[in-house]
Amino acid sequence: MGILLLSATAAQIRWTTPVSHAAWDGLLKKHVSEQGVVNYRGFIRDSVALNQYLAQLSSSAGQEKSRSREDQLAYWINAYNAYTIQLIIRHYPLKSINDIARPGIKSPWDIPFIPGKGAKLTLNDIEHTILRRQFGEPRIHFAIVCASQSCPKLANEAFTGEKINEQLERATRDFLSDPSRNRITERQAQLSQIFNWFKEDFTREGTVQAFVNRYARTKMSGKTPITYLEYDWSLNDH
C-alpha cells in the first residue's frame, strides 16, 4: 500500500496529495444496499474500477505532507473494506469468508495480498497494527467489515476525513440498534461477539455497559448481565 512503515505512528503516515475516495463511494452506492447487502457479482463486473481505486490508494503514499488524523482514519477504513471486497470477489462464489484458505495460513485475515513496502500486508495488519494500535478509536469496529451477516453492515458510502466522526457515530448507533446483531433490554443484554473479542478497546475509559449506553436506544444498568450472540459468518450477499 505504497510506502508504509508498520512501526510508524499514525501522525507519521504521510501522503503527497489528498486522497479522493469518490471512486470507492460510487462503487458502494452502486453495489451495496441501505441494509448493507453486497452485490459481489456487481463488484466483479466493476473490478477494473475497484482495482484502479486500490492502485490509487497504493500510489498515494509519500513522505512530504502530513494528512490530518481524520483523513488517515478514513483512508485506512476505506482501504480495509475495499481490500476485503477484492479478497471476496477473487474467490467468489463462496458461502463464507472463512472458506478462503491458503496453505500454511491460519485465516483469510492473515493472507498477505495488500501492496506494502517490502512484504505485502494482511487485513490483520491494517486492523490491529494500524487502526486499533495507532488510532485508539473503538468505533472503527462498526466501520470495518468482515463480509459476514453478523458483522456491521458495509456502509454504501465512502468514509471521508470531513465526515468521519459523524459516520462513525452513525455506524455505531445503527449496529447497536439492529436486533439481529445486538438485543438489549434493561434486564439483559445479548451483545455481538465484537464486544467480547475486543473488550479491551471498549473498556479503556469505563465499562462495556457505559460504552453501549452512550450509543444504544435502550440503556443498561451496571448490573445488567451480558451474554454474547453466536456469530453468523455466512456471506453478506444477495
Protein backbone atom coordinates (compact mmCIF):
# COMPACT_ATOMS: atom_id res chain seq x y z
CA MET A 1 0.00 0.00 0.00
CA GLY A 2 2.60 2.48 -1.07
CA ILE A 3 5.32 3.46 1.36
CA LEU A 4 4.31 2.14 4.77
CA LEU A 5 6.18 1.53 7.99
CA LEU A 6 4.09 -0.56 10.36
CA SER A 7 6.10 0.77 13.29
CA ALA A 8 5.25 4.37 12.44
CA THR A 9 2.69 6.31 14.41
CA ALA A 10 -0.50 7.46 12.70
CA ALA A 11 0.85 11.01 12.64
CA GLN A 12 3.92 9.83 10.74
CA ILE A 13 1.97 8.26 7.85
CA ARG A 14 2.08 10.84 5.09
CA TRP A 15 0.60 11.40 1.65
CA THR A 16 1.90 13.69 -1.05
CA THR A 17 -1.56 14.56 -2.39
CA PRO A 18 -5.08 14.41 -0.96
CA VAL A 19 -6.67 11.02 -1.45
CA SER A 20 -10.02 11.05 -3.21
CA HIS A 21 -12.45 8.30 -2.25
CA ALA A 22 -15.00 9.32 -4.90
CA ALA A 23 -14.48 6.18 -6.99
CA TRP A 24 -15.00 3.93 -3.95
CA ASP A 25 -18.05 5.97 -2.96
CA GLY A 26 -19.56 5.42 -6.41
CA LEU A 27 -18.95 1.66 -6.27
CA LEU A 28 -20.51 1.40 -2.82
CA LYS A 29 -23.60 3.35 -3.86
CA LYS A 30 -23.95 1.11 -6.91
CA HIS A 31 -23.41 -2.30 -5.31
CA VAL A 32 -24.36 -2.02 -1.61
CA SER A 33 -27.92 -1.61 -0.34
CA GLU A 34 -29.03 0.62 2.53
CA GLN A 35 -29.21 -2.57 4.63
CA GLY A 36 -25.58 -3.42 3.83
CA VAL A 37 -26.34 -6.28 1.42
CA VAL A 38 -23.47 -6.55 -1.05
CA ASN A 39 -23.81 -7.38 -4.75
CA TYR A 40 -20.48 -9.13 -5.22
CA ARG A 41 -21.27 -10.03 -8.84
CA GLY A 42 -21.67 -6.32 -9.47
CA PHE A 43 -18.26 -5.67 -7.93
CA ILE A 44 -16.82 -8.38 -10.19
CA ARG A 45 -18.25 -6.58 -13.22
CA ASP A 46 -16.68 -3.36 -11.93
CA SER A 47 -13.42 -4.98 -10.82
CA VAL A 48 -11.38 -2.73 -13.11
CA ALA A 49 -12.74 0.35 -11.35
CA LEU A 50 -12.14 -1.28 -7.94
CA ASN A 51 -8.56 -2.17 -8.83
CA GLN A 52 -7.95 1.35 -10.11
CA TYR A 53 -9.14 2.76 -6.79
CA LEU A 54 -6.88 0.39 -4.86
CA ALA A 55 -3.96 1.34 -7.11
CA GLN A 56 -4.72 4.97 -6.28
CA LEU A 57 -4.53 4.18 -2.57
CA SER A 58 -1.23 2.40 -3.08
CA SER A 59 0.32 5.20 -5.12
CA SER A 60 -0.81 7.95 -2.75
CA ALA A 61 1.77 7.20 -0.09
CA GLY A 62 4.74 9.55 0.35
CA GLN A 63 6.80 11.42 2.87
CA GLU A 64 6.21 15.07 2.07
CA LYS A 65 2.96 16.38 3.51
CA SER A 66 1.14 15.17 6.60
CA ARG A 67 -2.53 14.43 6.31
CA SER A 68 -4.94 15.02 9.17
CA ARG A 69 -5.75 12.28 11.63
CA GLU A 70 -9.30 12.25 10.25
CA ASP A 71 -8.09 11.78 6.67
CA GLN A 72 -5.78 8.97 7.72
CA LEU A 73 -8.54 7.21 9.63
CA ALA A 74 -10.90 7.44 6.63
CA TYR A 75 -8.10 6.20 4.36
CA TRP A 76 -7.44 3.04 6.38
CA ILE A 77 -11.11 2.21 6.95
CA ASN A 78 -11.80 2.52 3.23
CA ALA A 79 -8.68 0.52 2.42
CA TYR A 80 -9.68 -2.28 4.78
CA ASN A 81 -13.19 -2.52 3.34
CA ALA A 82 -12.13 -2.23 -0.30
CA TYR A 83 -9.44 -4.88 0.06
CA THR A 84 -11.96 -7.15 1.81
CA ILE A 85 -14.24 -6.79 -1.22
CA GLN A 86 -11.31 -7.57 -3.51
CA LEU A 87 -10.47 -10.69 -1.49
CA ILE A 88 -14.06 -11.91 -1.68
CA ILE A 89 -14.52 -11.38 -5.41
CA ARG A 90 -11.23 -13.14 -6.15
CA HIS A 91 -12.76 -16.29 -4.58
CA TYR A 92 -16.44 -15.77 -5.37
CA PRO A 93 -18.78 -17.62 -5.26
CA LEU A 94 -18.37 -18.79 -1.67
CA LYS A 95 -20.58 -19.21 1.38
CA SER A 96 -18.30 -17.53 3.90
CA ILE A 97 -15.09 -15.54 4.04
CA ASN A 98 -13.81 -18.38 6.23
CA ASP A 99 -13.90 -20.64 3.17
CA ILE A 100 -10.91 -18.74 1.78
CA ALA A 101 -7.80 -20.70 2.61
CA ARG A 102 -4.11 -20.65 1.78
CA PRO A 103 -1.62 -23.40 2.72
CA GLY A 104 0.11 -22.60 5.98
CA ILE A 105 -2.04 -19.51 6.67
CA LYS A 106 -4.36 -19.56 9.66
CA SER A 107 -7.20 -17.34 8.40
CA PRO A 108 -8.18 -15.13 5.43
CA TRP A 109 -7.22 -12.10 7.55
CA ASP A 110 -3.63 -13.39 7.61
CA ILE A 111 -3.26 -13.65 3.81
CA PRO A 112 -0.55 -11.22 2.62
CA PHE A 113 -2.05 -9.70 -0.53
CA ILE A 114 -2.10 -5.94 0.09
CA PRO A 115 0.76 -3.95 -1.53
CA GLY A 116 3.14 -2.56 1.06
CA LYS A 117 6.77 -1.60 1.41
CA GLY A 118 8.66 -4.85 1.04
CA ALA A 119 6.43 -7.66 2.28
CA LYS A 120 2.75 -7.50 1.46
CA LEU A 121 0.29 -6.62 4.21
CA THR A 122 -2.68 -8.52 5.57
CA LEU A 123 -6.09 -7.32 6.66
CA ASN A 124 -4.97 -8.06 10.22
CA ASP A 125 -2.04 -5.67 9.73
CA ILE A 126 -4.46 -2.87 8.87
CA GLU A 127 -6.94 -3.69 11.63
CA HIS A 128 -4.63 -4.43 14.55
CA THR A 129 -1.30 -2.76 13.82
CA ILE A 130 -2.69 0.41 12.26
CA LEU A 131 -6.33 1.07 13.12
CA ARG A 132 -6.50 -0.33 16.64
CA ARG A 133 -2.99 0.41 17.84
CA GLN A 134 -2.42 3.82 16.28
CA PHE A 135 -5.83 5.46 16.45
CA GLY A 136 -7.34 4.13 19.68
CA GLU A 137 -10.83 4.59 18.26
CA PRO A 138 -13.23 1.79 19.34
CA ARG A 139 -15.91 2.87 16.86
CA ILE A 140 -13.78 1.55 13.99
CA HIS A 141 -15.16 -1.90 14.85
CA PHE A 142 -18.52 -0.81 13.42
CA ALA A 143 -17.00 0.68 10.27
CA ILE A 144 -14.68 -2.08 9.06
CA VAL A 145 -16.46 -5.17 7.81
CA CYS A 146 -15.77 -8.91 7.56
CA ALA A 147 -18.22 -9.68 4.71
CA SER A 148 -20.47 -11.65 7.07
CA GLN A 149 -24.06 -11.45 8.27
CA SER A 150 -23.17 -10.72 11.90
CA CYS A 151 -20.55 -8.10 11.18
CA PRO A 152 -21.52 -4.44 10.94
CA LYS A 153 -23.15 -3.57 7.65
CA LEU A 154 -20.96 -2.19 4.90
CA ALA A 155 -21.92 1.48 4.53
CA ASN A 156 -22.95 2.42 1.00
CA GLU A 157 -20.75 5.50 1.11
CA ALA A 158 -17.03 6.04 1.49
CA PHE A 159 -15.62 7.40 4.72
CA THR A 160 -14.08 10.85 4.44
CA GLY A 161 -12.00 12.94 6.77
CA GLU A 162 -14.59 15.71 6.74
CA LYS A 163 -17.40 13.42 7.92
CA ILE A 164 -15.53 10.69 9.78
CA ASN A 165 -16.85 11.43 13.27
CA GLU A 166 -20.45 11.67 12.07
CA GLN A 167 -20.04 8.46 10.05
CA LEU A 168 -18.52 6.52 12.95
CA GLU A 169 -21.25 7.79 15.25
CA ARG A 170 -23.97 6.64 12.86
CA ALA A 171 -22.34 3.26 12.23
CA THR A 172 -22.12 2.59 15.98
CA ARG A 173 -25.72 3.60 16.68
CA ASP A 174 -27.01 1.60 13.70
CA PHE A 175 -25.13 -1.50 14.81
CA LEU A 176 -26.40 -1.34 18.38
CA SER A 177 -29.99 -0.73 17.29
CA ASP A 178 -30.05 -3.76 14.98
CA PRO A 179 -31.73 -6.68 16.82
CA SER A 180 -30.06 -9.21 14.52
CA ARG A 181 -26.71 -8.10 15.93
CA ASN A 182 -27.50 -6.87 19.46
CA ARG A 183 -30.55 -7.40 21.71
CA ILE A 184 -30.64 -5.03 24.63
CA THR A 185 -33.23 -4.62 27.37
CA GLU A 186 -32.98 -3.19 30.86
CA ARG A 187 -32.84 -6.73 32.29
CA GLN A 188 -30.43 -8.42 29.93
CA ALA A 189 -28.13 -7.73 27.02
CA GLN A 190 -27.21 -10.12 24.26
CA LEU A 191 -24.36 -8.37 22.52
CA SER A 192 -22.31 -9.05 19.42
CA GLN A 193 -19.17 -11.12 19.86
CA ILE A 194 -17.30 -7.97 18.78
CA PHE A 195 -17.74 -6.65 22.33
CA ASN A 196 -16.23 -9.88 23.64
CA TRP A 197 -13.35 -10.20 21.18
CA PHE A 198 -12.27 -6.56 21.53
CA LYS A 199 -13.35 -5.86 25.10
CA GLU A 200 -10.11 -4.02 25.85
CA ASP A 201 -10.97 -1.43 23.19
CA PHE A 202 -14.35 -0.68 24.77
CA THR A 203 -13.16 -0.51 28.37
CA ARG A 204 -10.30 1.98 28.10
CA GLU A 205 -12.49 4.73 29.57
CA GLY A 206 -15.02 2.68 31.50
CA THR A 207 -17.11 -0.46 31.14
CA VAL A 208 -18.71 -2.18 28.17
CA GLN A 209 -22.08 -1.14 29.62
CA ALA A 210 -21.01 2.50 29.66
CA PHE A 211 -19.86 2.36 26.06
CA VAL A 212 -23.06 0.67 24.88
CA ASN A 213 -25.26 3.10 26.80
CA ARG A 214 -23.59 6.00 25.04
CA TYR A 215 -24.99 4.82 21.70
CA ALA A 216 -27.84 2.35 22.32
CA ARG A 217 -31.51 3.33 22.42
CA THR A 218 -32.18 1.09 25.40
CA LYS A 219 -29.89 1.68 28.36
CA MET A 220 -28.42 -0.99 30.63
CA SER A 221 -27.69 -0.70 34.31
CA GLY A 222 -24.33 -1.65 35.74
CA LYS A 223 -25.93 -4.89 36.92
CA THR A 224 -27.44 -5.91 33.57
CA PRO A 225 -25.99 -9.34 32.70
CA ILE A 226 -24.26 -9.56 29.34
CA THR A 227 -24.10 -12.61 27.10
CA TYR A 228 -22.84 -12.81 23.54
CA LEU A 229 -24.70 -13.92 20.44
CA GLU A 230 -23.44 -16.64 18.16
CA TYR A 231 -21.65 -15.10 15.17
CA ASP A 232 -23.09 -15.79 11.72
CA TRP A 233 -20.18 -15.99 9.26
CA SER A 234 -22.34 -16.54 6.17
CA LEU A 235 -21.63 -14.11 3.34
CA ASN A 236 -23.49 -10.78 3.34
CA ASP A 237 -24.63 -11.04 -0.27
CA HIS A 238 -27.95 -11.32 -2.08
